[in-house]
Amino acid sequence: MTTMIIEPKERLYTVDSAAKRLDVTKGRVHQLVIEKRISAIKVGKVLLIPESQILKYENERRPYTKS
């Protein structure tokens, strides 16, 4: 099990809000969590993604170029 540190005032995103911010589908966000490319916290049935994980993914992903 991996330990994730969340800052006390850190914003938490639902899968839906994370998908909107990252401009991807909700399914893609779930896939990123399964692939452990972003970490999430499960509270009941809801996945919450810390803003630090969103920022980390935004900085690491390749820019999309349409061919």
C-alpha atoms as a PDB file:
ATOM      1  CA  MET A   1       0.000   0.000   0.000  1.00  0.00           C
ATOM      2  CA  THR A   2       1.275   3.447  -0.936  1.00  0.00           C
ATOM      3  CA  THR A   3       0.973   6.368   1.427  1.00  0.00           C
ATOM      4  CA  MET A   4      -0.156   9.657  -0.059  1.00  0.00           C
ATOM      5  CA  ILE A   5       0.247  12.914   1.835  1.00  0.00           C
ATOM      6  CA  ILE A   6      -2.480  15.478   1.312  1.00  0.00           C
ATOM      7  CA  GLU A   7      -2.022  19.041   2.476  1.00  0.00           C
ATOM      8  CA  PRO A   8      -4.762  20.164   4.901  1.00  0.00           C
ATOM      9  CA  LYS A   9      -6.249  22.775   2.536  1.00  0.00           C
ATOM     10  CA  GLU A  10      -5.558  20.925  -0.716  1.00  0.00           C
ATOM     11  CA  ARG A  11      -8.433  20.883  -3.172  1.00  0.00           C
ATOM     12  CA  LEU A  12      -9.898  17.468  -3.964  1.00  0.00           C
ATOM     13  CA  TYR A  13     -11.452  16.751  -7.361  1.00  0.00           C
ATOM     14  CA  THR A  14     -14.166  14.251  -8.182  1.00  0.00           C
ATOM     15  CA  VAL A  15     -13.622  12.131 -11.294  1.00  0.00           C
ATOM     16  CA  ASP A  16     -16.038  14.388 -13.182  1.00  0.00           C
ATOM     17  CA  SER A  17     -14.311  17.646 -12.196  1.00  0.00           C
ATOM     18  CA  ALA A  18     -10.852  16.156 -12.829  1.00  0.00           C
ATOM     19  CA  ALA A  19     -11.969  15.059 -16.303  1.00  0.00           C
ATOM     20  CA  LYS A  20     -13.182  18.574 -17.090  1.00  0.00           C
ATOM     21  CA  ARG A  21      -9.958  20.146 -15.849  1.00  0.00           C
ATOM     22  CA  LEU A  22      -7.771  17.704 -17.800  1.00  0.00           C
ATOM     23  CA  ASP A  23     -10.067  17.851 -20.864  1.00  0.00           C
ATOM     24  CA  VAL A  24     -10.455  14.058 -20.947  1.00  0.00           C
ATOM     25  CA  THR A  25     -13.329  11.652 -20.359  1.00  0.00           C
ATOM     26  CA  LYS A  26     -14.304  10.276 -16.952  1.00  0.00           C
ATOM     27  CA  GLY A  27     -13.273   6.845 -18.244  1.00  0.00           C
ATOM     28  CA  ARG A  28      -9.778   8.169 -18.996  1.00  0.00           C
ATOM     29  CA  VAL A  29      -9.479   9.499 -15.420  1.00  0.00           C
ATOM     30  CA  HIS A  30     -10.457   6.060 -14.089  1.00  0.00           C
ATOM     31  CA  GLN A  31      -7.882   4.508 -16.415  1.00  0.00           C
ATOM     32  CA  LEU A  32      -5.154   6.865 -15.113  1.00  0.00           C
ATOM     33  CA  VAL A  33      -6.004   5.843 -11.542  1.00  0.00           C
ATOM     34  CA  ILE A  34      -5.934   2.122 -12.436  1.00  0.00           C
ATOM     35  CA  GLU A  35      -2.591   2.601 -14.213  1.00  0.00           C
ATOM     36  CA  LYS A  36      -1.321   4.427 -11.076  1.00  0.00           C
ATOM     37  CA  ARG A  37      -0.387   7.460 -13.134  1.00  0.00           C
ATOM     38  CA  ILE A  38      -2.435   9.537 -10.680  1.00  0.00           C
ATOM     39  CA  SER A  39      -3.337   8.639  -7.109  1.00  0.00           C
ATOM     40  CA  ALA A  40      -6.845   8.883  -5.729  1.00  0.00           C
ATOM     41  CA  ILE A  41      -8.615   8.375  -2.431  1.00  0.00           C
ATOM     42  CA  LYS A  42     -11.792   6.328  -2.272  1.00  0.00           C
ATOM     43  CA  VAL A  43     -14.364   7.694   0.165  1.00  0.00           C
ATOM     44  CA  GLY A  44     -17.350   5.395   0.107  1.00  0.00           C
ATOM     45  CA  LYS A  45     -18.121   5.005  -3.595  1.00  0.00           C
ATOM     46  CA  VAL A  46     -16.501   8.308  -4.606  1.00  0.00           C
ATOM     47  CA  LEU A  47     -12.955   8.710  -5.917  1.00  0.00           C
ATOM     48  CA  LEU A  48     -11.285  11.951  -4.878  1.00  0.00           C
ATOM     49  CA  ILE A  49      -8.140  13.157  -6.610  1.00  0.00           C
ATOM     50  CA  PRO A  50      -5.865  15.674  -4.856  1.00  0.00           C
ATOM     51  CA  GLU A  51      -4.953  18.769  -6.853  1.00  0.00           C
ATOM     52  CA  SER A  52      -1.267  17.879  -6.470  1.00  0.00           C
ATOM     53  CA  GLN A  53      -1.901  14.710  -8.497  1.00  0.00           C
ATOM     54  CA  ILE A  54      -3.712  16.696 -11.203  1.00  0.00           C
ATOM     55  CA  LEU A  55      -0.802  19.162 -11.407  1.00  0.00           C
ATOM     56  CA  LYS A  56       1.737  16.334 -11.523  1.00  0.00           C
ATOM     57  CA  TYR A  57      -0.105  14.680 -14.404  1.00  0.00           C
ATOM     58  CA  GLU A  58      -0.506  17.990 -16.269  1.00  0.00           C
ATOM     59  CA  ASN A  59       3.252  18.560 -16.058  1.00  0.00           C
ATOM     60  CA  GLU A  60       4.179  15.013 -17.102  1.00  0.00           C
ATOM     61  CA  ARG A  61       1.815  14.340 -19.988  1.00  0.00           C
ATOM     62  CA  ARG A  62       2.843  14.850 -23.577  1.00  0.00           C
ATOM     63  CA  PRO A  63       1.177  17.715 -25.379  1.00  0.00           C
ATOM     64  CA  TYR A  64      -1.515  16.584 -27.807  1.00  0.00           C
ATOM     65  CA  THR A  65      -0.816  17.330 -31.446  1.00  0.00           C
ATOM     66  CA  LYS A  66      -3.421  16.556 -34.065  1.00  0.00           C
ATOM     67  CA  SER A  67      -1.945  14.836 -37.119  1.00  0.00           C
END
